[in-house]
């Protein structure tokens, strides 16, 4: 389980760095901007608009089911060329 303080560290980081939330169900949510996530005490709302065939929507995600958070590594100059 992820604590609200740990999640807040990622959301409020300056500069913001994209991160990935891994759930117990193996679902993965990528947070690429701080406006994509709203954190409460027990539930987090995550904005998702990646699927071009579906309208954008908010997911309600339980903090108790979050297994871990990891940074999304940015592409390096070598891999970009």
C-alpha atoms as a PDB file:
ATOM      1  CA  UNK A   1       0.000   0.000   0.000  1.00  0.00           C
ATOM      2  CA  UNK A   2       1.194   3.498  -0.839  1.00  0.00           C
ATOM      3  CA  UNK A   3       0.791   6.267   1.721  1.00  0.00           C
ATOM      4  CA  UNK A   4      -0.726   9.639   0.885  1.00  0.00           C
ATOM      5  CA  UNK A   5       2.536  11.344   1.870  1.00  0.00           C
ATOM      6  CA  UNK A   6       4.559   9.209  -0.572  1.00  0.00           C
ATOM      7  CA  UNK A   7       2.076   9.894  -3.369  1.00  0.00           C
ATOM      8  CA  UNK A   8       2.113  13.624  -2.548  1.00  0.00           C
ATOM      9  CA  UNK A   9       5.914  13.640  -2.960  1.00  0.00           C
ATOM     10  CA  UNK A  10       5.519  12.476  -6.551  1.00  0.00           C
ATOM     11  CA  UNK A  11       2.594  14.787  -7.355  1.00  0.00           C
ATOM     12  CA  UNK A  12       4.182  17.946  -5.940  1.00  0.00           C
ATOM     13  CA  UNK A  13       7.765  17.346  -7.096  1.00  0.00           C
ATOM     14  CA  UNK A  14       9.475  20.401  -8.589  1.00  0.00           C
ATOM     15  CA  UNK A  15      10.120  19.933 -11.401  1.00  0.00           C
ATOM     16  CA  UNK A  16       7.358  17.392 -11.922  1.00  0.00           C
ATOM     17  CA  UNK A  17       8.600  14.033 -13.197  1.00  0.00           C
ATOM     18  CA  UNK A  18       6.136  11.588 -14.775  1.00  0.00           C
ATOM     19  CA  UNK A  19       5.512   8.423 -12.795  1.00  0.00           C
ATOM     20  CA  UNK A  20       3.714   5.105 -12.997  1.00  0.00           C
ATOM     21  CA  UNK A  21       1.336   3.626 -10.405  1.00  0.00           C
ATOM     22  CA  UNK A  22       1.325  -0.186 -10.307  1.00  0.00           C
ATOM     23  CA  UNK A  23      -1.777  -1.812  -8.838  1.00  0.00           C
ATOM     24  CA  UNK A  24      -2.226  -5.189  -7.138  1.00  0.00           C
ATOM     25  CA  UNK A  25      -4.382  -6.230 -10.126  1.00  0.00           C
ATOM     26  CA  UNK A  26      -1.391  -5.558 -12.454  1.00  0.00           C
ATOM     27  CA  UNK A  27      -3.211  -2.497 -13.848  1.00  0.00           C
ATOM     28  CA  UNK A  28      -0.783   0.342 -14.526  1.00  0.00           C
ATOM     29  CA  UNK A  29      -1.580   4.054 -14.607  1.00  0.00           C
ATOM     30  CA  UNK A  30       0.883   6.531 -16.096  1.00  0.00           C
ATOM     31  CA  UNK A  31       0.763  10.029 -14.650  1.00  0.00           C
ATOM     32  CA  UNK A  32       2.416  12.364 -17.133  1.00  0.00           C
ATOM     33  CA  UNK A  33       1.163  15.652 -15.644  1.00  0.00           C
ATOM     34  CA  UNK A  34       0.155  16.618 -12.089  1.00  0.00           C
ATOM     35  CA  UNK A  35      -3.324  17.638 -13.298  1.00  0.00           C
ATOM     36  CA  UNK A  36      -4.008  13.999 -14.226  1.00  0.00           C
ATOM     37  CA  UNK A  37      -4.369  12.936 -10.577  1.00  0.00           C
ATOM     38  CA  UNK A  38      -6.462  14.035  -7.588  1.00  0.00           C
ATOM     39  CA  UNK A  39      -5.489  12.421  -4.287  1.00  0.00           C
ATOM     40  CA  UNK A  40      -7.820  11.955  -1.332  1.00  0.00           C
ATOM     41  CA  UNK A  41      -7.240  10.056   1.901  1.00  0.00           C
ATOM     42  CA  UNK A  42      -8.245   6.622   0.612  1.00  0.00           C
ATOM     43  CA  UNK A  43      -9.167   7.105  -3.051  1.00  0.00           C
ATOM     44  CA  UNK A  44      -7.281   8.667  -5.934  1.00  0.00           C
ATOM     45  CA  UNK A  45      -8.920   9.922  -9.117  1.00  0.00           C
ATOM     46  CA  UNK A  46      -6.808   9.366 -12.226  1.00  0.00           C
ATOM     47  CA  UNK A  47      -7.590  11.017 -15.558  1.00  0.00           C
ATOM     48  CA  UNK A  48      -7.142   8.780 -18.571  1.00  0.00           C
ATOM     49  CA  UNK A  49      -7.351   9.797 -22.210  1.00  0.00           C
ATOM     50  CA  UNK A  50      -4.891   7.398 -23.877  1.00  0.00           C
ATOM     51  CA  UNK A  51      -7.469   5.341 -25.768  1.00  0.00           C
ATOM     52  CA  UNK A  52      -8.435   7.281 -28.938  1.00  0.00           C
ATOM     53  CA  UNK A  53     -11.594   5.154 -29.318  1.00  0.00           C
ATOM     54  CA  UNK A  54     -12.975   6.064 -25.885  1.00  0.00           C
ATOM     55  CA  UNK A  55     -13.812   9.437 -24.362  1.00  0.00           C
ATOM     56  CA  UNK A  56     -11.514  10.704 -21.606  1.00  0.00           C
ATOM     57  CA  UNK A  57     -12.662   9.762 -18.113  1.00  0.00           C
ATOM     58  CA  UNK A  58     -11.650   9.610 -14.444  1.00  0.00           C
ATOM     59  CA  UNK A  59     -10.876   6.324 -12.657  1.00  0.00           C
ATOM     60  CA  UNK A  60     -11.439   5.935  -8.910  1.00  0.00           C
ATOM     61  CA  UNK A  61      -8.466   3.999  -7.561  1.00  0.00           C
ATOM     62  CA  UNK A  62      -8.080   2.696  -4.005  1.00  0.00           C
ATOM     63  CA  UNK A  63      -4.816   3.629  -2.311  1.00  0.00           C
ATOM     64  CA  UNK A  64      -4.900   0.282  -0.491  1.00  0.00           C
ATOM     65  CA  UNK A  65      -4.557  -1.528  -3.827  1.00  0.00           C
ATOM     66  CA  UNK A  66      -1.534   0.459  -5.011  1.00  0.00           C
ATOM     67  CA  UNK A  67       1.571  -1.728  -4.815  1.00  0.00           C
ATOM     68  CA  UNK A  68       4.306   0.693  -5.803  1.00  0.00           C
ATOM     69  CA  UNK A  69       5.135   3.894  -7.665  1.00  0.00           C
ATOM     70  CA  UNK A  70       8.042   4.237 -10.047  1.00  0.00           C
ATOM     71  CA  UNK A  71       9.355   7.091 -12.165  1.00  0.00           C
ATOM     72  CA  UNK A  72       8.818   6.896 -15.910  1.00  0.00           C
ATOM     73  CA  UNK A  73      12.286   7.149 -17.364  1.00  0.00           C
ATOM     74  CA  UNK A  74      12.646   9.793 -20.019  1.00  0.00           C
ATOM     75  CA  UNK A  75      14.184   8.784 -23.335  1.00  0.00           C
ATOM     76  CA  UNK A  76      17.900   9.455 -23.488  1.00  0.00           C
ATOM     77  CA  UNK A  77      19.610  11.266 -26.334  1.00  0.00           C
ATOM     78  CA  UNK A  78      21.125   7.988 -27.538  1.00  0.00           C
ATOM     79  CA  UNK A  79      17.757   6.205 -27.773  1.00  0.00           C
ATOM     80  CA  UNK A  80      16.046   9.232 -29.371  1.00  0.00           C
ATOM     81  CA  UNK A  81      18.316   9.132 -32.437  1.00  0.00           C
END
